[in-house]
Amino acid sequence: MSGTFEVRVHPRATRDEITGEGGGALEVRVTAPPTEGRANEALCRLVARKLRVAPSRVSILRGARSRDKVVQVDGLTSEEIAEALQPEQKRPASRSS
């Protein structure tokens, strides 16, 4: 069993994060540059960390040299992946009186 999902990667960002969904793909920002596969490695590490799986279970099926990619995760369904990779919500600052 393995699930796939589409990703649009923005390399050289200020931090690694999942920012939302646009055009049917998950928008992901990584700090790594797009050279020598560094952005791809950062993407796989971020996805693995968010899904709490080993990085070896995350692979890029299509688009290794493109911003638009198809990522596969072994051991999870597409529905489980979509639920776990919801964009990080900005929390409102708590005020103390």
N, C-alpha and C. Protein backbone atom coordinates (compact mmCIF):
# COMPACT_ATOMS: atom_id res chain seq x y z
N MET A 1 0.84 -1.17 0.00
CA MET A 1 0.00 0.00 0.00
C MET A 1 0.90 1.24 0.00
N SER A 2 0.57 2.17 -0.87
CA SER A 2 1.29 3.44 -0.88
C SER A 2 0.37 4.50 -1.46
N GLY A 3 0.55 5.71 -0.97
CA GLY A 3 -0.25 6.82 -1.44
C GLY A 3 0.62 7.84 -2.14
N THR A 4 0.01 8.59 -3.04
CA THR A 4 0.73 9.62 -3.75
C THR A 4 0.00 10.95 -3.62
N PHE A 5 0.74 12.04 -3.83
CA PHE A 5 0.15 13.37 -3.83
C PHE A 5 1.04 14.30 -4.63
N GLU A 6 0.44 15.39 -5.11
CA GLU A 6 1.17 16.36 -5.90
C GLU A 6 1.69 17.48 -5.01
N VAL A 7 2.87 17.98 -5.34
CA VAL A 7 3.53 19.01 -4.55
C VAL A 7 4.08 20.08 -5.49
N ARG A 8 4.01 21.32 -5.07
CA ARG A 8 4.74 22.42 -5.74
C ARG A 8 5.74 22.93 -4.72
N VAL A 9 7.02 22.82 -5.06
CA VAL A 9 8.10 23.15 -4.13
C VAL A 9 8.64 24.55 -4.43
N HIS A 10 8.87 25.30 -3.36
CA HIS A 10 9.49 26.62 -3.45
C HIS A 10 10.82 26.55 -2.69
N PRO A 11 11.94 26.39 -3.40
CA PRO A 11 13.24 26.29 -2.74
C PRO A 11 13.74 27.64 -2.25
N ARG A 12 14.78 27.60 -1.44
CA ARG A 12 15.42 28.79 -0.87
C ARG A 12 14.46 29.67 -0.08
N ALA A 13 13.58 29.05 0.65
CA ALA A 13 12.64 29.77 1.51
C ALA A 13 13.33 30.09 2.85
N THR A 14 12.67 30.86 3.68
CA THR A 14 13.26 31.21 4.97
C THR A 14 13.13 30.07 5.97
N ARG A 15 12.17 29.16 5.75
CA ARG A 15 12.03 27.99 6.62
C ARG A 15 11.30 26.87 5.89
N ASP A 16 11.47 25.65 6.40
CA ASP A 16 10.78 24.50 5.82
C ASP A 16 9.37 24.47 6.38
N GLU A 17 8.36 24.49 5.47
CA GLU A 17 6.98 24.46 5.94
C GLU A 17 6.03 24.09 4.81
N ILE A 18 4.88 23.59 5.23
CA ILE A 18 3.78 23.33 4.30
C ILE A 18 2.86 24.54 4.42
N THR A 19 2.65 25.23 3.30
CA THR A 19 1.93 26.51 3.38
C THR A 19 0.48 26.46 2.93
N GLY A 20 0.08 25.43 2.26
CA GLY A 20 -1.32 25.35 1.81
C GLY A 20 -1.45 24.53 0.56
N GLU A 21 -2.57 24.77 -0.14
CA GLU A 21 -2.82 24.04 -1.36
C GLU A 21 -3.17 25.05 -2.45
N GLY A 22 -2.66 24.83 -3.61
CA GLY A 22 -2.95 25.69 -4.74
C GLY A 22 -2.86 24.93 -6.03
N GLY A 23 -3.88 25.07 -6.87
CA GLY A 23 -3.86 24.38 -8.15
C GLY A 23 -3.87 22.87 -8.03
N GLY A 24 -4.44 22.35 -6.96
CA GLY A 24 -4.50 20.90 -6.78
C GLY A 24 -3.24 20.27 -6.22
N ALA A 25 -2.27 21.10 -5.86
CA ALA A 25 -1.01 20.57 -5.32
C ALA A 25 -0.73 21.19 -3.96
N LEU A 26 -0.05 20.44 -3.13
CA LEU A 26 0.36 20.93 -1.82
C LEU A 26 1.53 21.89 -2.01
N GLU A 27 1.44 23.08 -1.45
CA GLU A 27 2.51 24.08 -1.56
C GLU A 27 3.48 23.87 -0.39
N VAL A 28 4.75 23.66 -0.72
CA VAL A 28 5.77 23.38 0.28
C VAL A 28 6.96 24.31 0.06
N ARG A 29 7.46 24.89 1.13
CA ARG A 29 8.66 25.73 1.07
C ARG A 29 9.79 25.01 1.80
N VAL A 30 10.96 25.00 1.17
CA VAL A 30 12.14 24.40 1.79
C VAL A 30 13.30 25.39 1.71
N THR A 31 14.17 25.35 2.69
CA THR A 31 15.31 26.27 2.73
C THR A 31 16.42 25.87 1.77
N ALA A 32 16.46 24.63 1.37
CA ALA A 32 17.54 24.12 0.52
C ALA A 32 17.46 24.70 -0.89
N PRO A 33 18.60 24.86 -1.53
CA PRO A 33 18.61 25.33 -2.92
C PRO A 33 18.23 24.18 -3.86
N PRO A 34 17.81 24.52 -5.09
CA PRO A 34 17.39 23.47 -6.03
C PRO A 34 18.54 22.83 -6.79
N THR A 35 19.71 22.81 -6.22
CA THR A 35 20.87 22.22 -6.90
C THR A 35 21.25 20.90 -6.27
N GLU A 36 21.74 20.00 -7.09
CA GLU A 36 22.26 18.70 -6.65
C GLU A 36 21.25 17.91 -5.82
N GLY A 37 19.96 18.09 -6.08
CA GLY A 37 18.93 17.33 -5.39
C GLY A 37 18.68 17.74 -3.95
N ARG A 38 19.25 18.85 -3.51
CA ARG A 38 19.10 19.25 -2.11
C ARG A 38 17.66 19.59 -1.75
N ALA A 39 16.95 20.29 -2.64
CA ALA A 39 15.55 20.64 -2.36
C ALA A 39 14.69 19.37 -2.31
N ASN A 40 14.98 18.40 -3.17
CA ASN A 40 14.24 17.14 -3.15
C ASN A 40 14.47 16.40 -1.82
N GLU A 41 15.71 16.37 -1.37
CA GLU A 41 16.02 15.71 -0.09
C GLU A 41 15.31 16.42 1.06
N ALA A 42 15.32 17.76 1.04
CA ALA A 42 14.66 18.52 2.10
C ALA A 42 13.16 18.26 2.08
N LEU A 43 12.57 18.18 0.88
CA LEU A 43 11.15 17.88 0.75
C LEU A 43 10.83 16.52 1.37
N CYS A 44 11.61 15.50 1.02
CA CYS A 44 11.37 14.15 1.55
C CYS A 44 11.52 14.11 3.07
N ARG A 45 12.53 14.81 3.60
CA ARG A 45 12.71 14.85 5.06
C ARG A 45 11.53 15.54 5.75
N LEU A 46 11.06 16.65 5.18
CA LEU A 46 9.93 17.37 5.76
C LEU A 46 8.66 16.52 5.75
N VAL A 47 8.38 15.90 4.63
CA VAL A 47 7.19 15.04 4.52
C VAL A 47 7.30 13.88 5.50
N ALA A 48 8.45 13.24 5.58
CA ALA A 48 8.64 12.12 6.50
C ALA A 48 8.43 12.55 7.95
N ARG A 49 8.96 13.72 8.30
CA ARG A 49 8.81 14.23 9.67
C ARG A 49 7.34 14.50 9.99
N LYS A 50 6.62 15.12 9.06
CA LYS A 50 5.20 15.43 9.28
C LYS A 50 4.36 14.18 9.36
N LEU A 51 4.71 13.16 8.60
CA LEU A 51 3.93 11.91 8.59
C LEU A 51 4.41 10.91 9.63
N ARG A 52 5.53 11.24 10.27
CA ARG A 52 6.13 10.35 11.27
C ARG A 52 6.45 8.98 10.70
N VAL A 53 7.13 9.02 9.54
CA VAL A 53 7.61 7.79 8.90
C VAL A 53 9.09 7.97 8.61
N ALA A 54 9.75 6.88 8.28
CA ALA A 54 11.17 6.95 7.93
C ALA A 54 11.33 7.65 6.59
N PRO A 55 12.37 8.48 6.46
CA PRO A 55 12.60 9.17 5.18
C PRO A 55 12.74 8.21 4.00
N SER A 56 13.18 7.00 4.24
CA SER A 56 13.34 6.03 3.16
C SER A 56 11.99 5.60 2.57
N ARG A 57 10.88 5.87 3.26
CA ARG A 57 9.55 5.52 2.76
C ARG A 57 8.96 6.61 1.88
N VAL A 58 9.65 7.74 1.75
CA VAL A 58 9.18 8.86 0.93
C VAL A 58 10.05 8.96 -0.31
N SER A 59 9.41 9.00 -1.49
CA SER A 59 10.19 9.11 -2.73
C SER A 59 9.46 10.01 -3.73
N ILE A 60 10.22 10.52 -4.67
CA ILE A 60 9.66 11.37 -5.71
C ILE A 60 9.47 10.51 -6.95
N LEU A 61 8.20 10.36 -7.37
CA LEU A 61 7.90 9.54 -8.54
C LEU A 61 8.12 10.30 -9.83
N ARG A 62 7.69 11.57 -9.87
CA ARG A 62 7.83 12.38 -11.08
C ARG A 62 8.22 13.79 -10.69
N GLY A 63 8.99 14.43 -11.54
CA GLY A 63 9.32 15.84 -11.36
C GLY A 63 10.56 16.10 -10.54
N ALA A 64 11.51 15.21 -10.53
CA ALA A 64 12.72 15.40 -9.72
C ALA A 64 13.47 16.68 -10.09
N ARG A 65 13.32 17.15 -11.32
CA ARG A 65 14.02 18.36 -11.75
C ARG A 65 13.05 19.51 -12.01
N SER A 66 11.87 19.43 -11.42
CA SER A 66 10.84 20.43 -11.62
C SER A 66 10.31 20.90 -10.27
N ARG A 67 9.66 22.05 -10.23
CA ARG A 67 9.01 22.50 -8.99
C ARG A 67 7.76 21.67 -8.70
N ASP A 68 7.12 21.17 -9.76
CA ASP A 68 5.92 20.35 -9.62
C ASP A 68 6.32 18.89 -9.57
N LYS A 69 5.94 18.22 -8.50
CA LYS A 69 6.38 16.84 -8.27
C LYS A 69 5.21 15.96 -7.87
N VAL A 70 5.38 14.67 -8.02
CA VAL A 70 4.47 13.67 -7.48
C VAL A 70 5.29 12.87 -6.47
N VAL A 71 4.82 12.86 -5.23
CA VAL A 71 5.53 12.20 -4.14
C VAL A 71 4.76 10.95 -3.72
N GLN A 72 5.48 9.89 -3.41
CA GLN A 72 4.88 8.63 -2.96
C GLN A 72 5.37 8.33 -1.55
N VAL A 73 4.44 7.84 -0.72
CA VAL A 73 4.78 7.42 0.64
C VAL A 73 4.32 5.99 0.81
N ASP A 74 5.27 5.10 1.08
CA ASP A 74 4.95 3.69 1.29
C ASP A 74 4.33 3.49 2.67
N GLY A 75 3.28 2.68 2.73
CA GLY A 75 2.68 2.32 4.00
C GLY A 75 1.51 3.19 4.43
N LEU A 76 1.18 4.24 3.67
CA LEU A 76 0.05 5.11 3.99
C LEU A 76 -0.81 5.29 2.75
N THR A 77 -2.11 5.46 2.95
CA THR A 77 -3.00 5.74 1.83
C THR A 77 -2.99 7.23 1.52
N SER A 78 -3.49 7.60 0.36
CA SER A 78 -3.56 9.01 -0.03
C SER A 78 -4.43 9.80 0.95
N GLU A 79 -5.48 9.19 1.47
CA GLU A 79 -6.36 9.86 2.43
C GLU A 79 -5.64 10.13 3.74
N GLU A 80 -4.87 9.16 4.23
CA GLU A 80 -4.11 9.34 5.46
C GLU A 80 -3.06 10.44 5.29
N ILE A 81 -2.45 10.48 4.13
CA ILE A 81 -1.44 11.50 3.85
C ILE A 81 -2.08 12.89 3.83
N ALA A 82 -3.20 13.01 3.12
CA ALA A 82 -3.87 14.31 3.01
C ALA A 82 -4.28 14.84 4.38
N GLU A 83 -4.77 13.96 5.23
CA GLU A 83 -5.19 14.38 6.58
C GLU A 83 -3.99 14.83 7.42
N ALA A 84 -2.89 14.11 7.33
CA ALA A 84 -1.72 14.42 8.15
C ALA A 84 -0.94 15.63 7.67
N LEU A 85 -1.05 15.96 6.38
CA LEU A 85 -0.26 17.05 5.83
C LEU A 85 -1.04 18.34 5.68
N GLN A 86 -1.99 18.56 6.54
CA GLN A 86 -2.71 19.83 6.53
C GLN A 86 -1.72 20.95 6.78
N PRO A 87 -1.90 22.10 6.13
CA PRO A 87 -0.99 23.22 6.34
C PRO A 87 -0.92 23.64 7.79
N GLU A 88 0.25 24.12 8.18
CA GLU A 88 0.44 24.58 9.54
C GLU A 88 -0.35 25.85 9.75
N GLN A 89 -1.19 25.87 10.78
CA GLN A 89 -2.02 27.02 11.07
C GLN A 89 -1.27 28.01 11.93
N LYS A 90 -1.44 29.25 11.61
CA LYS A 90 -0.84 30.29 12.43
C LYS A 90 -1.71 30.46 13.67
N ARG A 91 -1.11 30.33 14.82
CA ARG A 91 -1.86 30.47 16.07
C ARG A 91 -1.92 31.93 16.47
N PRO A 92 -3.10 32.39 16.91
CA PRO A 92 -3.17 33.78 17.37
C PRO A 92 -2.37 33.94 18.65
N ALA A 93 -1.76 35.08 18.79
CA ALA A 93 -0.98 35.35 20.00
C ALA A 93 -1.91 35.41 21.19
N SER A 94 -1.56 34.71 22.24
CA SER A 94 -2.40 34.74 23.44
C SER A 94 -2.03 35.97 24.26
N ARG A 95 -3.06 36.57 24.77
CA ARG A 95 -2.87 37.76 25.58
C ARG A 95 -3.11 37.43 27.04
N SER A 96 -2.24 37.92 27.87
CA SER A 96 -2.45 37.70 29.30
C SER A 96 -2.85 39.03 29.90
N SER A 97 -3.84 38.98 30.79
CA SER A 97 -4.35 40.21 31.40
C SER A 97 -3.67 40.55 32.68
